[in-house]
Every structure is written in C-alpha cells, then in structure tokens.
C-alpha atoms as a PDB file:
ATOM      1  CA  MET A   1      49.179 -37.814 -84.642  1.00  0.00           C
ATOM      2  CA  TYR A   2      52.143 -35.479 -84.068  1.00  0.00           C
ATOM      3  CA  ALA A   3      49.945 -32.419 -84.809  1.00  0.00           C
ATOM      4  CA  ILE A   4      47.358 -33.498 -82.242  1.00  0.00           C
ATOM      5  CA  ALA A   5      50.078 -33.973 -79.593  1.00  0.00           C
ATOM      6  CA  GLN A   6      51.391 -30.451 -80.334  1.00  0.00           C
ATOM      7  CA  ILE A   7      47.908 -28.979 -79.987  1.00  0.00           C
ATOM      8  CA  VAL A   8      47.305 -30.818 -76.703  1.00  0.00           C
ATOM      9  CA  ARG A   9      50.685 -29.576 -75.311  1.00  0.00           C
ATOM     10  CA  ARG A  10      49.804 -26.004 -76.294  1.00  0.00           C
ATOM     11  CA  ILE A  11      46.370 -26.253 -74.683  1.00  0.00           C
ATOM     12  CA  VAL A  12      47.902 -27.693 -71.493  1.00  0.00           C
ATOM     13  CA  PHE A  13      50.528 -24.908 -71.498  1.00  0.00           C
ATOM     14  CA  LEU A  14      47.909 -22.186 -71.981  1.00  0.00           C
ATOM     15  CA  LEU A  15      45.690 -23.660 -69.261  1.00  0.00           C
ATOM     16  CA  SER A  16      48.616 -23.804 -66.833  1.00  0.00           C
ATOM     17  CA  VAL A  17      49.551 -20.168 -67.560  1.00  0.00           C
ATOM     18  CA  PHE A  18      45.917 -19.063 -67.244  1.00  0.00           C
ATOM     19  CA  SER A  19      45.260 -21.019 -64.033  1.00  0.00           C
ATOM     20  CA  GLY A  20      48.572 -19.806 -62.556  1.00  0.00           C
ATOM     21  CA  GLY A  21      47.451 -16.236 -63.177  1.00  0.00           C
ATOM     22  CA  ILE A  22      44.161 -16.894 -61.462  1.00  0.00           C
ATOM     23  CA  LEU A  23      45.816 -18.544 -58.475  1.00  0.00           C
ATOM     24  CA  SER A  24      48.396 -15.824 -58.036  1.00  0.00           C
ATOM     25  CA  SER A  25      45.764 -13.110 -58.249  1.00  0.00           C
ATOM     26  CA  CYS A  26      43.702 -14.850 -55.532  1.00  0.00           C
ATOM     27  CA  GLN A  27      46.593 -15.191 -53.092  1.00  0.00           C
ATOM     28  CA  SER A  28      46.560 -12.555 -50.396  1.00  0.00           C
ATOM     29  CA  GLN A  29      49.519 -10.218 -50.427  1.00  0.00           C
ATOM     30  CA  GLU A  30      50.910  -8.902 -47.182  1.00  0.00           C
ATOM     31  CA  VAL A  31      50.430  -5.178 -47.275  1.00  0.00           C
ATOM     32  CA  SER A  32      52.406  -2.873 -45.027  1.00  0.00           C
ATOM     33  CA  LEU A  33      53.491   0.730 -44.554  1.00  0.00           C
ATOM     34  CA  ARG A  34      57.077   1.552 -43.606  1.00  0.00           C
ATOM     35  CA  TYR A  35      58.462   4.834 -42.279  1.00  0.00           C
ATOM     36  CA  ASP A  36      61.979   5.803 -41.239  1.00  0.00           C
ATOM     37  CA  LEU A  37      62.442   6.978 -37.674  1.00  0.00           C
ATOM     38  CA  LEU A  38      64.775   9.955 -37.317  1.00  0.00           C
ATOM     39  CA  GLY A  39      66.814  10.898 -34.255  1.00  0.00           C
ATOM     40  CA  GLY A  40      65.684  13.725 -32.009  1.00  0.00           C
ATOM     41  CA  ILE A  41      67.893  16.702 -31.185  1.00  0.00           C
ATOM     42  CA  ASP A  42      71.099  15.506 -29.511  1.00  0.00           C
ATOM     43  CA  TRP A  43      70.102  11.848 -29.887  1.00  0.00           C
ATOM     44  CA  GLU A  44      71.925   9.408 -32.148  1.00  0.00           C
ATOM     45  CA  TYR A  45      69.011   7.165 -32.975  1.00  0.00           C
ATOM     46  CA  SER A  46      67.481   6.009 -36.255  1.00  0.00           C
ATOM     47  CA  GLY A  47      65.262   3.164 -37.259  1.00  0.00           C
ATOM     48  CA  GLU A  48      62.016   2.148 -38.856  1.00  0.00           C
ATOM     49  CA  ILE A  49      58.404   1.530 -38.000  1.00  0.00           C
ATOM     50  CA  ILE A  50      56.358  -0.909 -40.060  1.00  0.00           C
ATOM     51  CA  PHE A  51      52.569  -1.226 -39.927  1.00  0.00           C
ATOM     52  CA  THR A  52      51.242  -4.552 -41.239  1.00  0.00           C
ATOM     53  CA  GLU A  53      47.571  -5.382 -41.732  1.00  0.00           C
ATOM     54  CA  LYS A  54      46.053  -8.231 -39.728  1.00  0.00           C
ATOM     55  CA  PRO A  55      42.388  -9.299 -39.624  1.00  0.00           C
ATOM     56  CA  ASP A  56      41.526  -7.289 -36.521  1.00  0.00           C
ATOM     57  CA  GLY A  57      43.895  -4.316 -36.785  1.00  0.00           C
ATOM     58  CA  LEU A  58      47.613  -3.828 -37.281  1.00  0.00           C
ATOM     59  CA  ILE A  59      50.883  -5.293 -36.130  1.00  0.00           C
ATOM     60  CA  VAL A  60      53.494  -2.591 -35.564  1.00  0.00           C
ATOM     61  CA  ASN A  61      57.174  -3.537 -35.738  1.00  0.00           C
ATOM     62  CA  VAL A  62      59.721  -1.021 -34.503  1.00  0.00           C
ATOM     63  CA  ASN A  63      63.478  -1.263 -34.863  1.00  0.00           C
ATOM     64  CA  LEU A  64      65.545   1.464 -33.249  1.00  0.00           C
ATOM     65  CA  ALA A  65      69.304   1.687 -33.745  1.00  0.00           C
ATOM     66  CA  GLY A  66      71.407   3.770 -31.399  1.00  0.00           C
ATOM     67  CA  PRO A  67      72.738   3.744 -27.858  1.00  0.00           C
ATOM     68  CA  LYS A  68      71.661   0.670 -25.905  1.00  0.00           C
ATOM     69  CA  GLY A  69      70.763   0.415 -22.241  1.00  0.00           C
ATOM     70  CA  ASP A  70      68.338  -0.959 -19.683  1.00  0.00           C
ATOM     71  CA  VAL A  71      65.822   1.840 -20.165  1.00  0.00           C
ATOM     72  CA  MET A  72      62.366   1.162 -21.622  1.00  0.00           C
ATOM     73  CA  HIS A  73      61.440   3.702 -24.322  1.00  0.00           C
ATOM     74  CA  PRO A  74      57.707   4.605 -24.498  1.00  0.00           C
ATOM     75  CA  ILE A  75      56.375   4.851 -28.054  1.00  0.00           C
ATOM     76  CA  HIS A  76      53.147   6.634 -29.013  1.00  0.00           C
ATOM     77  CA  LEU A  77      51.075   7.564 -32.022  1.00  0.00           C
ATOM     78  CA  HIS A  78      49.890  11.179 -31.854  1.00  0.00           C
ATOM     79  CA  TYR A  79      47.230  13.023 -33.812  1.00  0.00           C
ATOM     80  CA  GLY A  80      48.596  15.811 -36.009  1.00  0.00           C
ATOM     81  CA  ALA A  81      52.045  16.515 -37.397  1.00  0.00           C
ATOM     82  CA  ILE A  82      55.247  16.178 -35.376  1.00  0.00           C
ATOM     83  CA  SER A  83      55.342  19.977 -35.025  1.00  0.00           C
ATOM     84  CA  GLU A  84      52.028  19.939 -33.119  1.00  0.00           C
ATOM     85  CA  ASP A  85      51.330  18.894 -29.556  1.00  0.00           C
ATOM     86  CA  GLY A  86      48.613  16.510 -30.676  1.00  0.00           C
ATOM     87  CA  GLU A  87      46.719  14.256 -28.324  1.00  0.00           C
ATOM     88  CA  ILE A  88      47.880  10.673 -28.064  1.00  0.00           C
ATOM     89  CA  ALA A  89      46.151   8.539 -30.691  1.00  0.00           C
ATOM     90  CA  GLN A  90      47.418   5.359 -29.039  1.00  0.00           C
ATOM     91  CA  VAL A  91      50.153   4.223 -26.689  1.00  0.00           C
ATOM     92  CA  LEU A  92      51.911   1.379 -28.480  1.00  0.00           C
ATOM     93  CA  GLY A  93      54.023   0.256 -25.525  1.00  0.00           C
ATOM     94  CA  TYR A  94      57.694   0.215 -24.670  1.00  0.00           C
ATOM     95  CA  LEU A  95      60.770  -0.526 -26.752  1.00  0.00           C
ATOM     96  CA  GLU A  96      63.443  -2.565 -25.054  1.00  0.00           C
ATOM     97  CA  GLY A  97      66.423  -0.234 -24.691  1.00  0.00           C
ATOM     98  CA  SER A  98      68.809  -3.172 -24.808  1.00  0.00           C
ATOM     99  CA  SER A  99      67.624  -4.310 -28.243  1.00  0.00           C
ATOM    100  CA  GLY A 100      65.749  -1.320 -29.658  1.00  0.00           C
ATOM    101  CA  GLU A 101      63.051  -3.664 -30.922  1.00  0.00           C
ATOM    102  CA  GLY A 102      59.368  -3.946 -30.257  1.00  0.00           C
ATOM    103  CA  VAL A 103      56.291  -5.613 -31.744  1.00  0.00           C
ATOM    104  CA  PHE A 104      52.894  -4.193 -30.845  1.00  0.00           C
ATOM    105  CA  ASP A 105      49.242  -4.916 -31.633  1.00  0.00           C
ATOM    106  CA  LEU A 106      47.295  -1.842 -32.693  1.00  0.00           C
ATOM    107  CA  ASP A 107      43.598  -2.680 -32.767  1.00  0.00           C
ATOM    108  CA  THR A 108      41.986   0.746 -32.307  1.00  0.00           C
ATOM    109  CA  LEU A 109      42.906   4.391 -31.982  1.00  0.00           C
ATOM    110  CA  ALA A 110      41.999   6.338 -28.839  1.00  0.00           C
ATOM    111  CA  ASP A 111      38.842   7.652 -30.538  1.00  0.00           C
ATOM    112  CA  GLY A 112      37.560   4.086 -31.014  1.00  0.00           C
ATOM    113  CA  ARG A 113      38.191   3.693 -34.743  1.00  0.00           C
ATOM    114  CA  LYS A 114      39.499   0.305 -35.870  1.00  0.00           C
ATOM    115  CA  ALA A 115      43.155   0.507 -36.881  1.00  0.00           C
ATOM    116  CA  SER A 116      43.905  -0.293 -40.513  1.00  0.00           C
ATOM    117  CA  LEU A 117      46.434   0.700 -43.131  1.00  0.00           C
ATOM    118  CA  GLU A 118      43.775   2.810 -44.827  1.00  0.00           C
ATOM    119  CA  LEU A 119      43.100   4.666 -41.583  1.00  0.00           C
ATOM    120  CA  ILE A 120      46.821   5.299 -41.001  1.00  0.00           C
ATOM    121  CA  LYS A 121      47.244   6.565 -44.582  1.00  0.00           C
ATOM    122  CA  SER A 122      44.218   8.868 -44.347  1.00  0.00           C
ATOM    123  CA  GLN A 123      45.017  10.555 -41.013  1.00  0.00           C
ATOM    124  CA  ASN A 124      47.390  13.278 -39.828  1.00  0.00           C
ATOM    125  CA  LEU A 125      49.522  11.287 -37.395  1.00  0.00           C
ATOM    126  CA  ASN A 126      53.051  11.090 -36.039  1.00  0.00           C
ATOM    127  CA  VAL A 127      55.147   8.665 -34.030  1.00  0.00           C
ATOM    128  CA  ARG A 128      57.246   9.704 -31.029  1.00  0.00           C
ATOM    129  CA  VAL A 129      59.697   7.578 -29.075  1.00  0.00           C
ATOM    130  CA  HIS A 130      60.461   9.005 -25.630  1.00  0.00           C
ATOM    131  CA  PHE A 131      63.659   8.362 -23.712  1.00  0.00           C
ATOM    132  CA  ASP A 132      61.732   7.098 -20.689  1.00  0.00           C
ATOM    133  CA  ASN A 133      58.545   7.775 -18.760  1.00  0.00           C
ATOM    134  CA  GLY A 134      60.304   9.409 -15.814  1.00  0.00           C
ATOM    135  CA  ARG A 135      62.798  12.218 -15.537  1.00  0.00           C
ATOM    136  CA  TYR A 136      63.502  12.371 -19.283  1.00  0.00           C
ATOM    137  CA  SER A 137      59.965  11.739 -20.511  1.00  0.00           C
ATOM    138  CA  LYS A 138      59.905  14.980 -22.542  1.00  0.00           C
ATOM    139  CA  GLU A 139      62.995  13.894 -24.509  1.00  0.00           C
ATOM    140  CA  ILE A 140      61.999  12.588 -27.950  1.00  0.00           C
ATOM    141  CA  ILE A 141      64.777  10.266 -29.130  1.00  0.00           C
ATOM    142  CA  ALA A 142      63.133   9.260 -32.419  1.00  0.00           C
ATOM    143  CA  TYR A 143      60.143  10.446 -34.436  1.00  0.00           C
ATOM    144  CA  THR A 144      58.433  10.665 -37.817  1.00  0.00           C
ATOM    145  CA  ASN A 145      55.259  11.968 -39.372  1.00  0.00           C
ATOM    146  CA  ILE A 146      53.052   9.236 -40.840  1.00  0.00           C
ATOM    147  CA  GLY A 147      49.958   9.141 -43.032  1.00  0.00           C
ATOM    148  CA  GLN A 148      48.770  12.513 -44.325  1.00  0.00           C
ATOM    149  CA  SER A 149      51.252  14.361 -42.080  1.00  0.00           C
ATOM    150  CA  PHE A 150      54.079  12.571 -43.899  1.00  0.00           C
ATOM    151  CA  LEU A 151      52.594  13.402 -47.300  1.00  0.00           C
ATOM    152  CA  LYS A 152      52.272  17.093 -46.361  1.00  0.00           C
ATOM    153  CA  PHE A 153      55.490  17.640 -44.388  1.00  0.00           C
ATOM    154  CA  GLY A 154      57.772  14.658 -44.949  1.00  0.00           C
ATOM    155  CA  PRO A 155      59.170  13.060 -41.793  1.00  0.00           C
ATOM    156  CA  GLY A 156      59.713  16.450 -40.129  1.00  0.00           C
ATOM    157  CA  THR A 157      62.910  17.727 -38.570  1.00  0.00           C
ATOM    158  CA  ALA A 158      64.213  17.392 -35.035  1.00  0.00           C
ATOM    159  CA  ALA A 159      63.810  21.152 -34.596  1.00  0.00           C
ATOM    160  CA  ASP A 160      60.094  20.795 -35.461  1.00  0.00           C
ATOM    161  CA  VAL A 161      59.301  18.226 -32.760  1.00  0.00           C
ATOM    162  CA  ALA A 162      56.794  19.735 -30.341  1.00  0.00           C
ATOM    163  CA  VAL A 163      57.063  19.028 -26.639  1.00  0.00           C
ATOM    164  CA  CYS A 164      54.668  16.235 -25.775  1.00  0.00           C
ATOM    165  CA  THR A 165      52.482  17.622 -22.989  1.00  0.00           C
ATOM    166  CA  SER A 166      49.910  14.826 -23.214  1.00  0.00           C
ATOM    167  CA  PHE A 167      52.435  12.299 -21.894  1.00  0.00           C
END
C-alpha cells in the first residue's frame, strides 16, 4: 500500500510540474522596449522612454529628470537617426514640465503603419524632446536614437543632434 501511495504522489507531483509549465508558457508576458534619454547641449536632463505593446498599438511612458517648471515639452518620434533632420514620424504630445512625466498612446506612425514593438525595432527612428513649442522650439533638451538607428549609432551625442526643421 505504501508503494502505491508513493507512486500516486510522484504522478501528482509530475502532473503539477507539467501543468504549471504549460500554464506559465500560455500566460502573456508584457513586452516592452526601453531607451535612455540623454540631455541636449547645455541642458541638464536625462530620463527614459518605454514602449509597451497593447492590442491596438503602443503605450509610451516618458520620465524626464532635470529642471522643473510650468513649460510643456513637446516630444516627437522622427524618421532617421538623431543626426538627421528626419520628418516627424509621430507627435507623441507634451511632457509636463513640472513632473517630467508623460504617458501617450501611439497607434500609428505618420505614414499610416500600425505602431508595434516590431515596427519600432525595425525602423531608423529617434526621439526628440523640445524645450517648448514657442521661442525655444529648436532647443532639444533630451533625445535618443531608437530601433535600427540605436543599433547602428547608439543613442547619439548631443553634438550630433540635428536642428529639427519639421517642427
């Protein structure tokens, strides 16, 4: 009788391990891409931008550390590397200058393609955070290359940041 109980316990153990493996492999894992934001020339900013997959596009979380104020900082995705004056791939919105934080929905790029992590990874893109959309709109306070631009050139350097004429 003892031997049968041992066998049953082993079978139950093996079934629980096997079914646990199946369940954990079926659970969806949140997949995201994270890039560091670097400060532009003469700007003491840093931060991160995180792209997270959602069913109909991406959620983009931005955290910017540095001087705080009442200004709203425009943030854009651009085609090409940070050293190029690429067209705007999408305007994400504005970061609150008082907190440096923003959460944005990114459903499509300007060319109509559905936003996804695979699209971001496969494209030459960069992110630029402007000081404002007025007098200092050409001032890039934070930036990074993303996707293929990041793989080719790393985040870029402040000296490489091209003036953004499309904004």
